[in-house]
């Protein structure tokens, strides 16, 4: 958690020469050239039949250039957030990058998405929720109505062997969660309480998940990202030393219940 030294948390650390030579970032925006601070028009494109007769390109300030890039960033992001209750979150996060100065980001929609993901994951071999339930079922001391301290490692094992919540499913490519979160950086899973009655138990489990809204070198060097204008704009806004907009931590949390009973033990 809170790893501000991570490679995708860098900002403003690359020059124009580095962006062009190492990352091949030449064609950034369809509207403005961030290197020359000039607007791009259909006539100014090399493929235009009027290219050699174009008027001098219109200059913009660095602040105006950044504003244009962020507007284009927001517009392009809509391709990845077409439907559902979370589709507006990406624009909120882009706005936060533009105006938030690196402060962490939270959203009730992201919390809801995390809880929904945990509850809908029915993979009993991989879900941390199901694996925790199995550990509780198998190791609760029903006679003493406690979970034995010497069996605590079985709870750690359940988490380590499980698949942590990530938004890399096919639907996440279009519902806004793939572009906002996708993979995650750190996860804390805490059993907040455990109540054991005669033959039933109820555990309250809290998930705290953190991601970074930022790009590192490896991200933009991947062809699938480099070929998309959205990611080229994002990388330049974050990493170009003439902009240096700060990435930030995305914090999500959800609380779920795990319920089981003595008759579900596999002993």
Protein backbone atom coordinates (compact mmCIF):
# COMPACT_ATOMS: atom_id res chain seq x y z
CA UNK A 1 0.00 0.00 0.00
CA UNK A 2 0.93 3.62 -0.63
CA UNK A 3 4.00 2.79 -2.72
CA UNK A 4 4.77 6.20 -4.19
CA UNK A 5 8.15 4.93 -5.43
CA UNK A 6 6.47 2.60 -7.97
CA UNK A 7 7.53 3.11 -11.57
CA UNK A 8 4.02 4.08 -12.71
CA UNK A 9 3.94 6.91 -10.15
CA UNK A 10 6.67 8.90 -11.90
CA UNK A 11 5.79 12.18 -13.56
CA UNK A 12 7.53 14.91 -15.54
CA UNK A 13 10.71 12.85 -15.86
CA UNK A 14 11.13 12.56 -19.64
CA UNK A 15 12.30 15.01 -22.28
CA UNK A 16 10.94 15.47 -25.78
CA UNK A 17 13.98 13.66 -27.17
CA UNK A 18 13.43 10.67 -24.89
CA UNK A 19 9.73 10.47 -25.71
CA UNK A 20 10.50 10.45 -29.42
CA UNK A 21 13.57 8.22 -29.53
CA UNK A 22 12.90 5.64 -26.81
CA UNK A 23 9.12 5.46 -26.87
CA UNK A 24 8.50 6.46 -30.52
CA UNK A 25 5.92 9.02 -29.45
CA UNK A 26 5.70 11.26 -32.50
CA UNK A 27 1.99 11.35 -33.29
CA UNK A 28 0.39 12.20 -29.96
CA UNK A 29 -2.81 14.10 -30.54
CA UNK A 30 -5.18 14.68 -33.46
CA UNK A 31 -5.78 18.23 -32.24
CA UNK A 32 -2.52 19.72 -30.97
CA UNK A 33 1.22 19.08 -31.12
CA UNK A 34 2.53 19.08 -27.53
CA UNK A 35 6.12 19.54 -28.70
CA UNK A 36 5.64 22.60 -30.91
CA UNK A 37 2.56 23.88 -29.04
CA UNK A 38 0.64 24.32 -32.28
CA UNK A 39 -2.87 23.31 -33.26
CA UNK A 40 -3.35 20.53 -35.78
CA UNK A 41 -5.88 21.02 -38.58
CA UNK A 42 -6.83 18.80 -41.53
CA UNK A 43 -4.80 21.08 -43.81
CA UNK A 44 -1.71 20.79 -41.60
CA UNK A 45 -1.52 17.01 -42.01
CA UNK A 46 1.22 15.76 -44.39
CA UNK A 47 -1.35 13.68 -46.27
CA UNK A 48 -3.44 16.76 -47.10
CA UNK A 49 -3.38 17.96 -50.72
CA UNK A 50 -3.02 21.48 -49.32
CA UNK A 51 -0.12 20.60 -47.02
CA UNK A 52 2.46 22.72 -48.88
CA UNK A 53 0.10 25.71 -48.98
CA UNK A 54 -0.96 25.72 -45.37
CA UNK A 55 -0.90 28.86 -43.30
CA UNK A 56 1.39 29.13 -40.35
CA UNK A 57 0.18 26.84 -37.56
CA UNK A 58 -1.74 28.47 -34.74
CA UNK A 59 0.30 28.61 -31.55
CA UNK A 60 -1.16 27.79 -28.14
CA UNK A 61 0.12 28.20 -24.62
CA UNK A 62 1.31 25.18 -22.68
CA UNK A 63 -1.75 25.46 -20.43
CA UNK A 64 -4.09 25.56 -23.42
CA UNK A 65 -2.28 22.60 -24.97
CA UNK A 66 -2.78 20.57 -21.79
CA UNK A 67 -6.46 21.50 -21.70
CA UNK A 68 -6.91 20.31 -25.29
CA UNK A 69 -5.07 17.06 -24.55
CA UNK A 70 -7.23 16.36 -21.49
CA UNK A 71 -10.40 17.03 -23.50
CA UNK A 72 -9.22 14.56 -26.13
CA UNK A 73 -8.23 12.09 -23.39
CA UNK A 74 -11.77 12.22 -21.97
CA UNK A 75 -13.38 11.81 -25.38
CA UNK A 76 -11.23 8.80 -26.30
CA UNK A 77 -11.89 7.12 -22.94
CA UNK A 78 -15.59 6.75 -23.76
CA UNK A 79 -14.74 3.87 -26.10
CA UNK A 80 -13.80 1.85 -23.01
CA UNK A 81 -16.80 2.87 -20.88
CA UNK A 82 -19.88 2.32 -22.98
CA UNK A 83 -22.46 1.15 -20.48
CA UNK A 84 -23.29 0.35 -16.88
CA UNK A 85 -23.17 2.17 -13.55
CA UNK A 86 -19.39 2.68 -13.66
CA UNK A 87 -19.08 4.21 -17.13
CA UNK A 88 -18.65 7.79 -15.87
CA UNK A 89 -15.85 7.00 -13.42
CA UNK A 90 -13.05 7.22 -15.99
CA UNK A 91 -13.90 10.85 -16.79
CA UNK A 92 -13.97 11.63 -13.07
CA UNK A 93 -10.50 10.09 -12.75
CA UNK A 94 -9.16 12.02 -15.74
CA UNK A 95 -10.56 15.20 -14.19
CA UNK A 96 -8.82 14.25 -10.94
CA UNK A 97 -5.51 13.81 -12.75
CA UNK A 98 -5.97 17.23 -14.35
CA UNK A 99 -6.92 19.02 -11.13
CA UNK A 100 -6.14 16.78 -8.14
CA UNK A 101 -2.36 17.35 -7.85
CA UNK A 102 -1.68 13.69 -7.03
CA UNK A 103 -4.11 13.29 -4.14
CA UNK A 104 -5.71 9.86 -3.75
CA UNK A 105 -9.04 9.07 -5.40
CA UNK A 106 -12.08 7.31 -3.96
CA UNK A 107 -15.48 6.63 -5.44
CA UNK A 108 -18.66 4.97 -4.20
CA UNK A 109 -19.01 3.49 -7.69
CA UNK A 110 -15.60 1.82 -7.45
CA UNK A 111 -16.46 0.49 -4.00
CA UNK A 112 -19.68 -0.95 -5.42
CA UNK A 113 -17.80 -2.48 -8.36
CA UNK A 114 -15.35 -4.15 -5.98
CA UNK A 115 -18.10 -5.59 -3.79
CA UNK A 116 -20.03 -6.83 -6.81
CA UNK A 117 -16.89 -8.48 -8.18
CA UNK A 118 -16.19 -10.30 -4.90
CA UNK A 119 -19.77 -11.52 -4.49
CA UNK A 120 -20.20 -12.60 -8.11
CA UNK A 121 -16.96 -14.55 -8.27
CA UNK A 122 -18.26 -18.10 -8.07
CA UNK A 123 -14.91 -19.79 -8.71
CA UNK A 124 -14.66 -21.90 -5.56
CA UNK A 125 -11.09 -22.95 -6.35
CA UNK A 126 -9.79 -19.38 -6.77
CA UNK A 127 -12.08 -16.97 -4.94
CA UNK A 128 -10.54 -15.69 -1.69
CA UNK A 129 -14.06 -15.48 -0.26
CA UNK A 130 -14.77 -19.16 -0.90
CA UNK A 131 -11.30 -20.25 0.24
CA UNK A 132 -11.70 -18.32 3.49
CA UNK A 133 -15.10 -19.94 3.94
CA UNK A 134 -13.54 -23.37 3.43
CA UNK A 135 -10.82 -22.64 6.00
CA UNK A 136 -13.39 -21.48 8.53
CA UNK A 137 -15.62 -24.46 7.87
CA UNK A 138 -12.77 -26.90 8.39
CA UNK A 139 -10.94 -25.43 11.36
CA UNK A 140 -13.47 -23.83 13.71
CA UNK A 141 -13.51 -25.61 17.04
CA UNK A 142 -17.24 -26.11 17.40
CA UNK A 143 -17.04 -27.43 20.94
CA UNK A 144 -15.24 -24.33 22.20
CA UNK A 145 -16.90 -22.01 19.64
CA UNK A 146 -13.58 -20.44 18.61
CA UNK A 147 -11.23 -20.40 15.66
CA UNK A 148 -7.97 -21.93 17.00
CA UNK A 149 -5.01 -19.58 16.97
CA UNK A 150 -2.74 -22.40 15.79
CA UNK A 151 -4.84 -22.66 12.61
CA UNK A 152 -4.40 -19.02 11.65
CA UNK A 153 -1.94 -19.98 8.91
CA UNK A 154 -4.82 -21.69 7.11
CA UNK A 155 -6.46 -18.28 6.71
CA UNK A 156 -3.26 -16.80 5.28
CA UNK A 157 -3.02 -19.78 2.95
CA UNK A 158 -6.57 -19.23 1.75
CA UNK A 159 -5.72 -15.67 0.74
CA UNK A 160 -2.33 -16.47 -0.79
CA UNK A 161 -3.77 -19.30 -2.88
CA UNK A 162 -6.76 -17.26 -4.02
CA UNK A 163 -7.12 -14.89 -6.94
CA UNK A 164 -7.34 -11.30 -5.78
CA UNK A 165 -10.09 -9.13 -7.29
CA UNK A 166 -9.02 -7.69 -10.64
CA UNK A 167 -11.01 -6.06 -13.40
CA UNK A 168 -9.58 -7.92 -16.37
CA UNK A 169 -12.73 -9.76 -17.46
CA UNK A 170 -14.09 -9.32 -20.99
CA UNK A 171 -16.93 -7.05 -19.80
CA UNK A 172 -14.42 -4.75 -18.10
CA UNK A 173 -13.15 -3.68 -21.54
CA UNK A 174 -16.43 -1.83 -22.07
CA UNK A 175 -18.00 -1.10 -18.67
CA UNK A 176 -15.32 1.38 -17.58
CA UNK A 177 -13.56 -0.83 -15.03
CA UNK A 178 -10.78 -2.04 -17.33
CA UNK A 179 -9.62 1.47 -18.18
CA UNK A 180 -10.00 2.82 -14.63
CA UNK A 181 -8.52 -0.05 -12.59
CA UNK A 182 -7.83 -3.26 -14.57
CA UNK A 183 -5.08 -4.86 -12.47
CA UNK A 184 -4.47 -3.84 -8.85
CA UNK A 185 -1.31 -3.02 -6.90
CA UNK A 186 -2.04 -3.97 -3.29
CA UNK A 187 -4.81 -5.72 -1.38
CA UNK A 188 -5.48 -6.00 2.35
CA UNK A 189 -8.04 -8.60 3.46
CA UNK A 190 -9.06 -8.37 7.09
CA UNK A 191 -11.45 -10.52 9.12
CA UNK A 192 -13.14 -7.81 11.16
CA UNK A 193 -15.26 -10.12 13.29
CA UNK A 194 -16.20 -13.76 13.70
CA UNK A 195 -19.33 -14.86 15.56
CA UNK A 196 -19.77 -18.58 16.28
CA UNK A 197 -23.04 -19.99 17.60
CA UNK A 198 -24.04 -23.59 18.19
CA UNK A 199 -23.84 -24.72 14.58
CA UNK A 200 -23.40 -21.54 12.50
CA UNK A 201 -20.85 -18.78 12.13
CA UNK A 202 -20.80 -15.33 10.57
CA UNK A 203 -17.56 -13.62 9.52
CA UNK A 204 -17.31 -10.00 8.42
CA UNK A 205 -14.46 -9.59 5.94
CA UNK A 206 -13.10 -6.25 4.73
CA UNK A 207 -11.28 -5.83 1.42
CA UNK A 208 -9.09 -2.78 0.87
CA UNK A 209 -7.70 -2.58 -2.65
CA UNK A 210 -5.33 0.00 -4.11
CA UNK A 211 -4.37 0.70 -7.69
CA UNK A 212 -2.26 3.36 -9.40
CA UNK A 213 -3.76 5.63 -12.06
CA UNK A 214 -0.52 6.05 -13.94
CA UNK A 215 1.62 4.56 -16.70
CA UNK A 216 5.17 3.24 -16.53
CA UNK A 217 7.70 2.65 -19.31
CA UNK A 218 6.62 -0.93 -19.91
CA UNK A 219 3.00 0.09 -20.37
CA UNK A 220 3.66 2.42 -23.28
CA UNK A 221 6.28 0.15 -24.83
CA UNK A 222 3.63 -2.53 -25.30
CA UNK A 223 2.21 -2.38 -28.81
CA UNK A 224 -1.40 -2.70 -27.65
CA UNK A 225 -1.04 0.52 -25.64
CA UNK A 226 1.37 2.44 -27.85
CA UNK A 227 -0.90 2.11 -30.88
CA UNK A 228 -3.84 3.71 -29.04
CA UNK A 229 -3.90 7.51 -29.03
CA UNK A 230 -5.53 7.57 -25.58
CA UNK A 231 -2.47 6.00 -23.95
CA UNK A 232 -0.02 8.15 -25.92
CA UNK A 233 -1.81 11.26 -24.67
CA UNK A 234 -1.97 9.90 -21.11
CA UNK A 235 1.75 9.06 -21.09
CA UNK A 236 2.78 12.47 -22.44
CA UNK A 237 0.57 14.35 -19.96
CA UNK A 238 2.07 12.38 -17.10
CA UNK A 239 5.70 11.88 -18.06
CA UNK A 240 6.69 14.79 -20.37
CA UNK A 241 8.74 17.28 -18.39
CA UNK A 242 6.74 20.17 -19.87
CA UNK A 243 3.51 18.86 -18.30
CA UNK A 244 4.14 16.42 -15.42
CA UNK A 245 0.55 15.86 -14.33
CA UNK A 246 0.67 13.65 -11.28
CA UNK A 247 -0.63 10.06 -11.20
CA UNK A 248 -2.48 9.03 -8.06
CA UNK A 249 -3.60 6.18 -5.83
CA UNK A 250 -7.06 4.75 -6.40
CA UNK A 251 -8.50 3.38 -3.16
CA UNK A 252 -11.41 0.94 -3.05
CA UNK A 253 -12.98 -0.95 -0.19
CA UNK A 254 -15.81 -3.38 0.39
CA UNK A 255 -17.18 -5.41 3.29
CA UNK A 256 -18.74 -8.82 2.74
CA UNK A 257 -20.15 -11.52 4.97
CA UNK A 258 -19.10 -15.17 4.99
CA UNK A 259 -21.63 -17.52 6.55
CA UNK A 260 -21.24 -21.23 7.15
CA UNK A 261 -22.04 -24.03 9.52
CA UNK A 262 -20.84 -27.11 11.29
CA UNK A 263 -22.46 -29.41 8.74
CA UNK A 264 -20.32 -27.85 5.95
CA UNK A 265 -17.04 -29.03 7.42
CA UNK A 266 -15.03 -31.35 5.18
CA UNK A 267 -13.27 -33.05 8.09
